[in-house]
C-alpha atoms as a PDB file:
ATOM      1  CA  MET A   1      89.655  97.069 101.162  1.00  0.00           C
ATOM      2  CA  ARG A   2      91.393  96.003  97.850  1.00  0.00           C
ATOM      3  CA  HIS A   3      94.834  94.443  98.939  1.00  0.00           C
ATOM      4  CA  CYS A   4      97.296  95.829  96.071  1.00  0.00           C
ATOM      5  CA  SER A   5     100.631  94.402  97.754  1.00  0.00           C
ATOM      6  CA  LEU A   6      99.470  90.787  96.796  1.00  0.00           C
ATOM      7  CA  LEU A   7      99.414  90.399  93.499  1.00  0.00           C
ATOM      8  CA  PRO A   8      99.245  87.013  91.830  1.00  0.00           C
ATOM      9  CA  HIS A   9     101.671  86.201  88.984  1.00  0.00           C
ATOM     10  CA  PRO A  10     100.053  84.530  85.552  1.00  0.00           C
ATOM     11  CA  PHE A  11     101.309  80.672  86.947  1.00  0.00           C
ATOM     12  CA  VAL A  12      99.689  81.459  90.933  1.00  0.00           C
ATOM     13  CA  PHE A  13      97.282  78.498  89.865  1.00  0.00           C
ATOM     14  CA  SER A  14      98.050  76.103  87.677  1.00  0.00           C
ATOM     15  CA  VAL A  15      96.772  72.585  86.541  1.00  0.00           C
ATOM     16  CA  PHE A  16      99.428  71.170  88.511  1.00  0.00           C
ATOM     17  CA  PHE A  17      98.348  71.839  91.581  1.00  0.00           C
ATOM     18  CA  LEU A  18      94.741  70.444  90.931  1.00  0.00           C
ATOM     19  CA  ALA A  19      96.679  67.095  89.457  1.00  0.00           C
ATOM     20  CA  ALA A  20      98.561  67.011  93.027  1.00  0.00           C
ATOM     21  CA  LEU A  21      94.739  66.935  95.061  1.00  0.00           C
ATOM     22  CA  LEU A  22      93.535  64.607  93.017  1.00  0.00           C
ATOM     23  CA  ILE A  23      96.257  62.232  93.040  1.00  0.00           C
ATOM     24  CA  GLY A  24      97.162  62.793  96.566  1.00  0.00           C
ATOM     25  CA  HIS A  25      93.805  61.775  98.024  1.00  0.00           C
ATOM     26  CA  PRO A  26      93.638  58.016  96.859  1.00  0.00           C
ATOM     27  CA  LEU A  27      97.126  57.909  98.170  1.00  0.00           C
ATOM     28  CA  GLN A  28      95.667  58.287 101.517  1.00  0.00           C
ATOM     29  CA  LEU A  29      93.396  55.540 100.964  1.00  0.00           C
ATOM     30  CA  PHE A  30      96.513  53.511  99.927  1.00  0.00           C
ATOM     31  CA  GLY A  31      97.952  54.633 102.535  1.00  0.00           C
ATOM     32  CA  GLN A  32      95.360  53.857 104.991  1.00  0.00           C
ATOM     33  CA  ARG A  33      94.429  50.517 103.431  1.00  0.00           C
ATOM     34  CA  ASN A  34      98.247  49.258 103.122  1.00  0.00           C
ATOM     35  CA  LYS A  35      99.135  51.641 106.806  1.00  0.00           C
ATOM     36  CA  LEU A  36     101.507  53.219 105.623  1.00  0.00           C
ATOM     37  CA  SER A  37     103.268  55.636 107.961  1.00  0.00           C
ATOM     38  CA  LYS A  38     102.874  59.414 107.593  1.00  0.00           C
ATOM     39  CA  LYS A  39     106.457  59.998 106.478  1.00  0.00           C
ATOM     40  CA  GLU A  40     105.060  57.348 103.301  1.00  0.00           C
ATOM     41  CA  ILE A  41     102.423  59.135 102.522  1.00  0.00           C
ATOM     42  CA  HIS A  42     104.337  62.309 102.626  1.00  0.00           C
ATOM     43  CA  THR A  43     107.081  60.944 100.253  1.00  0.00           C
ATOM     44  CA  ALA A  44     104.598  59.723  97.931  1.00  0.00           C
ATOM     45  CA  ARG A  45     102.578  62.164  97.288  1.00  0.00           C
ATOM     46  CA  ILE A  46     105.752  64.816  97.110  1.00  0.00           C
ATOM     47  CA  ASP A  47     107.157  62.101  94.023  1.00  0.00           C
ATOM     48  CA  SER A  48     103.269  62.500  92.419  1.00  0.00           C
ATOM     49  CA  ILE A  49     103.495  66.043  92.205  1.00  0.00           C
ATOM     50  CA  PHE A  50     106.961  66.414  91.003  1.00  0.00           C
ATOM     51  CA  ASN A  51     106.237  63.194  88.423  1.00  0.00           C
ATOM     52  CA  SER A  52     103.134  65.414  86.928  1.00  0.00           C
ATOM     53  CA  ALA A  53     105.724  68.122  86.661  1.00  0.00           C
ATOM     54  CA  GLU A  54     108.044  66.563  84.760  1.00  0.00           C
ATOM     55  CA  GLN A  55     105.585  64.450  82.399  1.00  0.00           C
ATOM     56  CA  ALA A  56     104.386  68.569  81.935  1.00  0.00           C
ATOM     57  CA  GLY A  57     107.572  69.664  80.946  1.00  0.00           C
ATOM     58  CA  LEU A  58     109.050  71.246  83.427  1.00  0.00           C
ATOM     59  CA  ASN A  59     112.380  70.625  84.692  1.00  0.00           C
ATOM     60  CA  THR A  60     112.444  69.727  88.246  1.00  0.00           C
ATOM     61  CA  LYS A  61     116.156  69.924  87.991  1.00  0.00           C
ATOM     62  CA  GLY A  62     116.596  73.666  87.761  1.00  0.00           C
ATOM     63  CA  ILE A  63     114.932  77.113  89.322  1.00  0.00           C
ATOM     64  CA  LEU A  64     111.120  76.879  89.635  1.00  0.00           C
ATOM     65  CA  ARG A  65     108.473  78.815  91.164  1.00  0.00           C
ATOM     66  CA  TYR A  66     106.959  76.828  94.189  1.00  0.00           C
ATOM     67  CA  GLN A  67     104.195  77.549  96.183  1.00  0.00           C
ATOM     68  CA  PHE A  68     102.676  76.667  99.675  1.00  0.00           C
ATOM     69  CA  TYR A  69      99.176  76.766 100.560  1.00  0.00           C
ATOM     70  CA  PHE A  70      97.573  77.436 103.868  1.00  0.00           C
ATOM     71  CA  ASP A  71      94.491  78.633 105.041  1.00  0.00           C
ATOM     72  CA  ASP A  72      92.676  79.720 108.067  1.00  0.00           C
ATOM     73  CA  PRO A  73      89.215  81.916 109.166  1.00  0.00           C
ATOM     74  CA  VAL A  74      91.465  85.100 110.712  1.00  0.00           C
ATOM     75  CA  GLU A  75      93.466  87.189 108.479  1.00  0.00           C
ATOM     76  CA  LYS A  76      95.745  88.416 110.863  1.00  0.00           C
ATOM     77  CA  ARG A  77      97.170  84.941 111.413  1.00  0.00           C
ATOM     78  CA  LEU A  78      97.982  84.643 108.016  1.00  0.00           C
ATOM     79  CA  HIS A  79      99.218  87.983 107.787  1.00  0.00           C
ATOM     80  CA  GLU A  80     101.920  87.511 110.664  1.00  0.00           C
ATOM     81  CA  PHE A  81     102.440  83.825 108.949  1.00  0.00           C
ATOM     82  CA  ALA A  82     103.859  85.600 105.683  1.00  0.00           C
ATOM     83  CA  ALA A  83     105.792  88.195 107.853  1.00  0.00           C
ATOM     84  CA  ARG A  84     107.710  85.065 109.204  1.00  0.00           C
ATOM     85  CA  MET A  85     108.181  83.710 106.215  1.00  0.00           C
ATOM     86  CA  ALA A  86     109.378  86.920 104.358  1.00  0.00           C
ATOM     87  CA  LYS A  87     112.374  86.218 106.566  1.00  0.00           C
ATOM     88  CA  ASP A  88     113.372  83.419 104.765  1.00  0.00           C
ATOM     89  CA  SER A  89     113.081  84.858 101.383  1.00  0.00           C
ATOM     90  CA  PHE A  90     108.891  83.686 100.801  1.00  0.00           C
ATOM     91  CA  GLU A  91     106.678  86.341  99.317  1.00  0.00           C
ATOM     92  CA  ILE A  92     102.877  86.345  99.101  1.00  0.00           C
ATOM     93  CA  ALA A  93     101.454  85.596  95.929  1.00  0.00           C
ATOM     94  CA  SER A  94      97.600  85.705  97.222  1.00  0.00           C
ATOM     95  CA  LEU A  95      95.549  86.576 100.238  1.00  0.00           C
ATOM     96  CA  LEU A  96      91.783  85.756  99.398  1.00  0.00           C
ATOM     97  CA  GLN A  97      88.970  85.617 101.406  1.00  0.00           C
ATOM     98  CA  LYS A  98      86.285  82.683  99.969  1.00  0.00           C
ATOM     99  CA  GLU A  99      82.844  83.386 102.669  1.00  0.00           C
ATOM    100  CA  LYS A 100      84.361  83.140 106.191  1.00  0.00           C
ATOM    101  CA  THR A 101      87.962  81.522 105.068  1.00  0.00           C
ATOM    102  CA  TRP A 102      90.970  82.853 104.167  1.00  0.00           C
ATOM    103  CA  TYR A 103      93.348  81.698 101.742  1.00  0.00           C
ATOM    104  CA  LEU A 104      96.957  82.335 101.634  1.00  0.00           C
ATOM    105  CA  ALA A 105      99.510  80.999  98.417  1.00  0.00           C
ATOM    106  CA  LEU A 106     103.050  81.602  99.887  1.00  0.00           C
ATOM    107  CA  TYR A 107     105.705  81.148  96.885  1.00  0.00           C
ATOM    108  CA  LYS A 108     109.815  81.099  96.095  1.00  0.00           C
ATOM    109  CA  ASN A 109     112.107  81.056  92.889  1.00  0.00           C
ATOM    110  CA  THR A 110     114.313  78.153  93.911  1.00  0.00           C
ATOM    111  CA  TRP A 111     115.353  74.444  93.414  1.00  0.00           C
ATOM    112  CA  TYR A 112     113.752  71.726  95.627  1.00  0.00           C
ATOM    113  CA  SER A 113     115.336  67.959  95.327  1.00  0.00           C
ATOM    114  CA  ARG A 114     112.228  65.367  96.657  1.00  0.00           C
ATOM    115  CA  GLU A 115     114.071  65.298  99.784  1.00  0.00           C
ATOM    116  CA  THR A 116     114.633  68.731 100.922  1.00  0.00           C
ATOM    117  CA  MET A 117     111.069  69.324  99.785  1.00  0.00           C
ATOM    118  CA  ASN A 118     109.838  66.442 102.442  1.00  0.00           C
ATOM    119  CA  GLU A 119     112.555  68.590 104.699  1.00  0.00           C
ATOM    120  CA  GLN A 120     110.916  71.688 103.637  1.00  0.00           C
ATOM    121  CA  GLU A 121     107.123  70.147 104.455  1.00  0.00           C
ATOM    122  CA  GLN A 122     107.950  69.061 107.777  1.00  0.00           C
ATOM    123  CA  LYS A 123     108.818  73.061 108.396  1.00  0.00           C
ATOM    124  CA  MET A 124     105.978  74.262 107.441  1.00  0.00           C
ATOM    125  CA  ARG A 125     103.694  71.934 109.381  1.00  0.00           C
ATOM    126  CA  GLY A 126     106.170  73.132 112.000  1.00  0.00           C
ATOM    127  CA  LEU A 127     105.642  77.085 111.719  1.00  0.00           C
ATOM    128  CA  LYS A 128     101.509  75.546 110.839  1.00  0.00           C
ATOM    129  CA  TYR A 129     101.378  74.830 114.600  1.00  0.00           C
ATOM    130  CA  SER A 130     103.484  77.798 116.070  1.00  0.00           C
ATOM    131  CA  TYR A 131     101.214  80.219 114.228  1.00  0.00           C
ATOM    132  CA  TYR A 132      97.968  78.150 114.966  1.00  0.00           C
ATOM    133  CA  ILE A 133      97.104  78.493 111.224  1.00  0.00           C
ATOM    134  CA  ASP A 134      93.726  75.913 110.255  1.00  0.00           C
ATOM    135  CA  HIS A 135      95.678  74.129 107.602  1.00  0.00           C
ATOM    136  CA  TYR A 136      98.638  73.481 105.110  1.00  0.00           C
ATOM    137  CA  SER A 137      97.216  72.169 101.729  1.00  0.00           C
ATOM    138  CA  GLY A 138     100.486  71.286  99.997  1.00  0.00           C
ATOM    139  CA  PHE A 139     102.645  73.211  97.473  1.00  0.00           C
ATOM    140  CA  SER A 140     102.317  73.135  93.953  1.00  0.00           C
ATOM    141  CA  LEU A 141     105.930  73.704  90.603  1.00  0.00           C
ATOM    142  CA  HIS A 142     104.963  76.701  88.226  1.00  0.00           C
ATOM    143  CA  PRO A 143     107.642  77.470  85.838  1.00  0.00           C
ATOM    144  CA  ALA A 144     109.813  80.226  87.333  1.00  0.00           C
ATOM    145  CA  ASP A 145     109.442  84.094  87.212  1.00  0.00           C
ATOM    146  CA  PRO A 146     110.582  86.158  84.468  1.00  0.00           C
ATOM    147  CA  ASP A 147     114.153  88.064  87.049  1.00  0.00           C
ATOM    148  CA  PRO A 148     114.349  91.931  85.380  1.00  0.00           C
ATOM    149  CA  VAL A 149     116.798  92.719  87.562  1.00  0.00           C
ATOM    150  CA  SER A 150     118.790  90.280  85.818  1.00  0.00           C
ATOM    151  CA  VAL A 151     118.590  92.133  82.370  1.00  0.00           C
ATOM    152  CA  SER A 152     120.817  94.124  80.969  1.00  0.00           C
ATOM    153  CA  ASP A 153     120.437  98.358  81.057  1.00  0.00           C
ATOM    154  CA  LYS A 154     120.879  97.853  77.139  1.00  0.00           C
ATOM    155  CA  GLU A 155     118.658  95.556  77.006  1.00  0.00           C
ATOM    156  CA  PHE A 156     115.771  96.014  79.083  1.00  0.00           C
ATOM    157  CA  THR A 157     113.509  98.348  76.728  1.00  0.00           C
ATOM    158  CA  GLN A 158     113.195  96.078  74.670  1.00  0.00           C
ATOM    159  CA  TYR A 159     112.916  92.981  77.369  1.00  0.00           C
ATOM    160  CA  LEU A 160     109.680  95.447  78.296  1.00  0.00           C
ATOM    161  CA  TYR A 161     107.968  95.436  75.207  1.00  0.00           C
ATOM    162  CA  SER A 162     108.833  91.782  74.271  1.00  0.00           C
ATOM    163  CA  LEU A 163     106.060  91.078  77.421  1.00  0.00           C
ATOM    164  CA  SER A 164     102.839  90.453  77.304  1.00  0.00           C
ATOM    165  CA  ASP A 165     100.604  92.590  79.073  1.00  0.00           C
ATOM    166  CA  GLU A 166     100.284  90.638  81.988  1.00  0.00           C
ATOM    167  CA  ASP A 167     104.101  89.715  82.407  1.00  0.00           C
ATOM    168  CA  LEU A 168     104.335  92.760  82.275  1.00  0.00           C
ATOM    169  CA  PHE A 169     102.206  94.473  84.882  1.00  0.00           C
ATOM    170  CA  TRP A 170     103.640  91.414  86.838  1.00  0.00           C
ATOM    171  CA  VAL A 171     107.007  92.865  86.537  1.00  0.00           C
ATOM    172  CA  SER A 172     105.756  96.507  87.196  1.00  0.00           C
ATOM    173  CA  ARG A 173     104.931  95.208  90.328  1.00  0.00           C
ATOM    174  CA  ARG A 174     108.358  92.964  91.254  1.00  0.00           C
ATOM    175  CA  LEU A 175     110.337  95.948  90.571  1.00  0.00           C
ATOM    176  CA  LEU A 176     108.784  97.915  93.000  1.00  0.00           C
ATOM    177  CA  ASP A 177     109.165  95.429  95.265  1.00  0.00           C
ATOM    178  CA  VAL A 178     112.286  95.183  95.132  1.00  0.00           C
ATOM    179  CA  HIS A 179     112.887  99.116  95.776  1.00  0.00           C
ATOM    180  CA  SER A 180     114.707  99.320  91.495  1.00  0.00           C
ATOM    181  CA  TYR A 181     112.408 101.983  91.001  1.00  0.00           C
ATOM    182  CA  LYS A 182     113.937 103.652  87.857  1.00  0.00           C
ATOM    183  CA  ARG A 183     112.692 100.223  86.122  1.00  0.00           C
ATOM    184  CA  ALA A 184     109.691 100.114  88.059  1.00  0.00           C
ATOM    185  CA  ARG A 185     109.275 103.671  86.247  1.00  0.00           C
ATOM    186  CA  LEU A 186     109.902 102.554  82.669  1.00  0.00           C
ATOM    187  CA  ALA A 187     107.634  99.497  83.400  1.00  0.00           C
ATOM    188  CA  SER A 188     104.590 100.952  84.651  1.00  0.00           C
ATOM    189  CA  GLU A 189     104.710 103.889  82.386  1.00  0.00           C
ATOM    190  CA  LEU A 190     104.563 101.190  79.152  1.00  0.00           C
ATOM    191  CA  GLY A 191     101.727  99.496  81.416  1.00  0.00           C
ATOM    192  CA  VAL A 192      99.846 102.793  81.655  1.00  0.00           C
ATOM    193  CA  HIS A 193     100.321 103.261  77.812  1.00  0.00           C
ATOM    194  CA  ARG A 194      99.021  99.271  77.113  1.00  0.00           C
ATOM    195  CA  LYS A 195      95.889 100.250  79.239  1.00  0.00           C
ATOM    196  CA  TYR A 196      95.865  96.844  81.194  1.00  0.00           C
ATOM    197  CA  LYS A 197      94.338  96.867  84.286  1.00  0.00           C
ATOM    198  CA  ILE A 198      95.119 100.400  84.486  1.00  0.00           C
ATOM    199  CA  ASP A 199      93.724 101.791  87.416  1.00  0.00           C
ATOM    200  CA  THR A 200      96.489  99.603  89.134  1.00  0.00           C
ATOM    201  CA  ALA A 201      99.084 100.513  86.740  1.00  0.00           C
ATOM    202  CA  ALA A 202      98.777 103.727  87.127  1.00  0.00           C
ATOM    203  CA  TYR A 203      98.777 103.587  90.852  1.00  0.00           C
ATOM    204  CA  HIS A 204     101.964 101.619  90.608  1.00  0.00           C
ATOM    205  CA  TYR A 205     103.406 104.263  87.873  1.00  0.00           C
ATOM    206  CA  GLY A 206     102.384 106.911  90.744  1.00  0.00           C
ATOM    207  CA  LEU A 207     104.660 104.972  93.031  1.00  0.00           C
ATOM    208  CA  ALA A 208     107.381 105.146  91.229  1.00  0.00           C
ATOM    209  CA  LEU A 209     107.058 108.503  89.974  1.00  0.00           C
ATOM    210  CA  VAL A 210     107.397 109.111  93.509  1.00  0.00           C
ATOM    211  CA  GLU A 211     110.614 107.428  94.165  1.00  0.00           C
ATOM    212  CA  THR A 212     112.328 109.249  90.988  1.00  0.00           C
ATOM    213  CA  GLY A 213     111.511 112.486  92.518  1.00  0.00           C
ATOM    214  CA  ASP A 214     108.278 113.351  90.202  1.00  0.00           C
ATOM    215  CA  PRO A 215     105.303 113.924  93.223  1.00  0.00           C
ATOM    216  CA  ASP A 216     103.472 115.858  91.102  1.00  0.00           C
ATOM    217  CA  ASP A 217     103.306 113.434  88.092  1.00  0.00           C
ATOM    218  CA  ALA A 218     102.092 111.047  90.815  1.00  0.00           C
ATOM    219  CA  ILE A 219      99.501 112.848  91.803  1.00  0.00           C
ATOM    220  CA  ASP A 220      98.453 112.936  88.387  1.00  0.00           C
ATOM    221  CA  GLN A 221      98.431 109.186  87.978  1.00  0.00           C
ATOM    222  CA  TRP A 222      96.504 108.430  91.601  1.00  0.00           C
ATOM    223  CA  LYS A 223      94.403 111.280  90.713  1.00  0.00           C
ATOM    224  CA  MET A 224      93.352 109.512  87.032  1.00  0.00           C
ATOM    225  CA  SER A 225      93.538 106.123  88.617  1.00  0.00           C
ATOM    226  CA  ALA A 226      90.852 106.886  91.837  1.00  0.00           C
ATOM    227  CA  LYS A 227      88.709 108.435  88.806  1.00  0.00           C
ATOM    228  CA  VAL A 228      88.605 104.737  87.262  1.00  0.00           C
ATOM    229  CA  ASN A 229      88.330 103.139  90.457  1.00  0.00           C
ATOM    230  CA  PRO A 230      87.141 105.339  93.057  1.00  0.00           C
ATOM    231  CA  TYR A 231      87.072 102.254  95.490  1.00  0.00           C
ATOM    232  CA  TYR A 232      90.779 101.830  95.467  1.00  0.00           C
ATOM    233  CA  LEU A 233      91.713 102.413  98.972  1.00  0.00           C
ATOM    234  CA  ASP A 234      95.999 102.482  98.134  1.00  0.00           C
ATOM    235  CA  VAL A 235      95.823 105.678  96.039  1.00  0.00           C
ATOM    236  CA  PHE A 236      93.543 107.993  99.161  1.00  0.00           C
ATOM    237  CA  LEU A 237      95.665 106.808 101.378  1.00  0.00           C
ATOM    238  CA  SER A 238      99.213 107.093  99.217  1.00  0.00           C
ATOM    239  CA  LEU A 239      97.779 110.692  98.332  1.00  0.00           C
ATOM    240  CA  GLY A 240      96.903 111.791 101.856  1.00  0.00           C
ATOM    241  CA  LYS A 241     100.331 110.443 103.139  1.00  0.00           C
ATOM    242  CA  LEU A 242     102.413 112.199 100.272  1.00  0.00           C
ATOM    243  CA  HIS A 243     100.310 115.426 101.037  1.00  0.00           C
ATOM    244  CA  TYR A 244     100.755 115.518 104.296  1.00  0.00           C
ATOM    245  CA  GLU A 245     104.789 114.488 103.889  1.00  0.00           C
ATOM    246  CA  ASN A 246     104.515 117.398 102.374  1.00  0.00           C
ATOM    247  CA  GLY A 247     103.142 120.059 105.024  1.00  0.00           C
ATOM    248  CA  TYR A 248      99.333 120.109 102.953  1.00  0.00           C
ATOM    249  CA  PHE A 249      97.305 118.802 105.363  1.00  0.00           C
ATOM    250  CA  ASP A 250      94.192 119.958 104.376  1.00  0.00           C
ATOM    251  CA  LYS A 251      94.616 118.191 101.145  1.00  0.00           C
ATOM    252  CA  ALA A 252      95.855 115.100 103.134  1.00  0.00           C
ATOM    253  CA  LEU A 253      92.694 115.433 105.554  1.00  0.00           C
ATOM    254  CA  GLU A 254      90.270 115.143 103.004  1.00  0.00           C
ATOM    255  CA  TYR A 255      91.938 112.136 100.571  1.00  0.00           C
ATOM    256  CA  TYR A 256      92.735 110.038 104.409  1.00  0.00           C
ATOM    257  CA  LYS A 257      88.751 111.199 104.904  1.00  0.00           C
ATOM    258  CA  LYS A 258      88.000 109.081 101.877  1.00  0.00           C
ATOM    259  CA  ALA A 259      89.869 106.286 102.778  1.00  0.00           C
ATOM    260  CA  ASP A 260      87.849 106.055 106.021  1.00  0.00           C
ATOM    261  CA  ALA A 261      84.348 106.460 104.160  1.00  0.00           C
ATOM    262  CA  LEU A 262      86.288 103.251 102.104  1.00  0.00           C
ATOM    263  CA  SER A 263      87.447 101.569 104.828  1.00  0.00           C
ATOM    264  CA  PRO A 264      85.854 102.324 108.322  1.00  0.00           C
ATOM    265  CA  ASN A 265      87.114 101.349 111.814  1.00  0.00           C
ATOM    266  CA  GLN A 266      90.259 101.029 110.614  1.00  0.00           C
ATOM    267  CA  SER A 267      93.302 101.469 113.258  1.00  0.00           C
ATOM    268  CA  ASP A 268      95.652 102.622 111.096  1.00  0.00           C
ATOM    269  CA  ILE A 269      93.605 105.359 108.934  1.00  0.00           C
ATOM    270  CA  LEU A 270      92.326 106.699 112.008  1.00  0.00           C
ATOM    271  CA  PHE A 271      95.537 107.560 113.424  1.00  0.00           C
ATOM    272  CA  ASN A 272      96.512 108.911 110.454  1.00  0.00           C
ATOM    273  CA  ILE A 273      93.252 111.197 110.922  1.00  0.00           C
ATOM    274  CA  SER A 274      94.289 112.053 114.365  1.00  0.00           C
ATOM    275  CA  GLU A 275      97.642 113.194 113.398  1.00  0.00           C
ATOM    276  CA  THR A 276      96.839 115.101 110.454  1.00  0.00           C
ATOM    277  CA  LEU A 277      93.810 116.833 112.493  1.00  0.00           C
ATOM    278  CA  TYR A 278      96.316 117.676 115.254  1.00  0.00           C
ATOM    279  CA  ASN A 279      99.013 119.660 112.582  1.00  0.00           C
ATOM    280  CA  LEU A 280      95.964 121.574 112.280  1.00  0.00           C
ATOM    281  CA  GLU A 281      95.420 121.993 115.459  1.00  0.00           C
ATOM    282  CA  LEU A 282      92.103 121.144 115.930  1.00  0.00           C
ATOM    283  CA  TYR A 283      92.868 119.108 118.878  1.00  0.00           C
ATOM    284  CA  ASN A 284      89.291 118.195 119.921  1.00  0.00           C
ATOM    285  CA  GLN A 285      88.910 115.782 116.777  1.00  0.00           C
ATOM    286  CA  SER A 286      92.454 114.660 116.885  1.00  0.00           C
ATOM    287  CA  PHE A 287      92.025 113.458 120.284  1.00  0.00           C
ATOM    288  CA  THR A 288      88.255 111.789 118.843  1.00  0.00           C
ATOM    289  CA  TYR A 289      89.906 109.974 116.153  1.00  0.00           C
ATOM    290  CA  VAL A 290      92.385 109.084 118.078  1.00  0.00           C
ATOM    291  CA  THR A 291      90.363 106.918 120.921  1.00  0.00           C
ATOM    292  CA  ARG A 292      88.603 105.419 118.353  1.00  0.00           C
ATOM    293  CA  ALA A 293      91.741 104.422 116.628  1.00  0.00           C
ATOM    294  CA  HIS A 294      93.671 103.547 120.371  1.00  0.00           C
ATOM    295  CA  GLU A 295      89.983 101.482 120.893  1.00  0.00           C
ATOM    296  CA  LEU A 296      90.578  99.700 118.312  1.00  0.00           C
ATOM    297  CA  ASP A 297      94.387  98.574 118.854  1.00  0.00           C
ATOM    298  CA  LYS A 298      95.726  99.206 122.332  1.00  0.00           C
ATOM    299  CA  LYS A 299      99.013  98.062 121.173  1.00  0.00           C
ATOM    300  CA  ASN A 300     100.112 100.731 119.101  1.00  0.00           C
ATOM    301  CA  VAL A 301     102.640 102.457 119.893  1.00  0.00           C
ATOM    302  CA  HIS A 302     102.267 105.842 117.718  1.00  0.00           C
ATOM    303  CA  VAL A 303      98.444 105.624 118.447  1.00  0.00           C
ATOM    304  CA  LYS A 304      99.476 105.470 121.932  1.00  0.00           C
ATOM    305  CA  SER A 305     101.776 108.466 121.488  1.00  0.00           C
ATOM    306  CA  LEU A 306      99.447 111.150 120.183  1.00  0.00           C
ATOM    307  CA  LEU A 307      97.356 109.732 122.870  1.00  0.00           C
ATOM    308  CA  LYS A 308      99.450 111.286 125.175  1.00  0.00           C
ATOM    309  CA  LEU A 309     100.426 113.893 123.426  1.00  0.00           C
ATOM    310  CA  LEU A 310      96.593 115.267 123.424  1.00  0.00           C
ATOM    311  CA  LYS A 311      96.597 115.084 126.972  1.00  0.00           C
ATOM    312  CA  GLN A 312      99.425 117.163 127.818  1.00  0.00           C
ATOM    313  CA  PRO A 313      98.542 120.286 130.530  1.00  0.00           C
ATOM    314  CA  ARG A 314      98.799 122.455 127.273  1.00  0.00           C
ATOM    315  CA  ILE A 315      96.703 120.992 124.676  1.00  0.00           C
ATOM    316  CA  LYS A 316      94.622 119.753 126.823  1.00  0.00           C
ATOM    317  CA  TYR A 317      94.117 123.883 127.984  1.00  0.00           C
ATOM    318  CA  LEU A 318      94.070 124.462 124.464  1.00  0.00           C
ATOM    319  CA  ARG A 319      90.793 121.780 123.762  1.00  0.00           C
ATOM    320  CA  LYS A 320      89.019 123.435 126.959  1.00  0.00           C
ATOM    321  CA  LYS A 321      89.289 126.568 125.578  1.00  0.00           C
ATOM    322  CA  TYR A 322      88.507 125.846 121.675  1.00  0.00           C
ATOM    323  CA  PRO A 323      85.902 123.167 122.043  1.00  0.00           C
ATOM    324  CA  ASP A 324      84.375 123.055 118.538  1.00  0.00           C
ATOM    325  CA  LYS A 325      88.541 122.402 117.232  1.00  0.00           C
END
């Protein structure tokens, strides 16, 4: 499955984090030899990361991008943890799988002193235990992200053209995330013209077009995206949703089934298919799909509601009368 909402910024992976890891290991050995407390070891590691960042030219007394790293074998735990951290304005920089382990990077553009970072790391370690996450691997410092929302309307177009392809790509996603759809439309349209990561650029442009009132043009963009990348799951889900919401259930079913073929046994996708089949009055087929969805996720209230609806006497009668539907 392609996780398109999890887009790392160009500064996601930095030499600062690698340097911190290389510096942190000798600190632990030094702490063991000299019997330093855990607090003293943590403080020394934080100092080393801040010192490395300052030596590289970062102003640690200003706004920076602070990135925190976690890993666990269970993807769901990391998703739940990320949702909790979103309440504190943290965002997902990346969620990647390597072999049997999932790696999560969370970030926030803010300012921490060395002292407040110590407090923040204590909080991170506490939350890690609350969510049963295996490891917290520390943090890294990076230049603050560009802020496309704060640019004036008069300067916005010039600002977009001044960006590199990679920064423009990130800005387009950022504007969508903060629901600045008119600006996202301008940014993603320029991204499509530049043809940088064209499949995702077209997908972003389609999202912005829908939110600014041009769904037909959005469909064209998504179809182009799917042509470039026929394995782009989010495109087929978005096409299915848009057609469903506008009453084109046959087309919605077509796209949802393509999504199911790409990512089988996903409860949400099976529910979408079942709901669409229900609206097409294909009740037995709907029942088959919603039963599968329920087996995969028994807590999903939408699945349970549709399953209950399909078991009502009138629908059960129609299911028996028309067994092939």
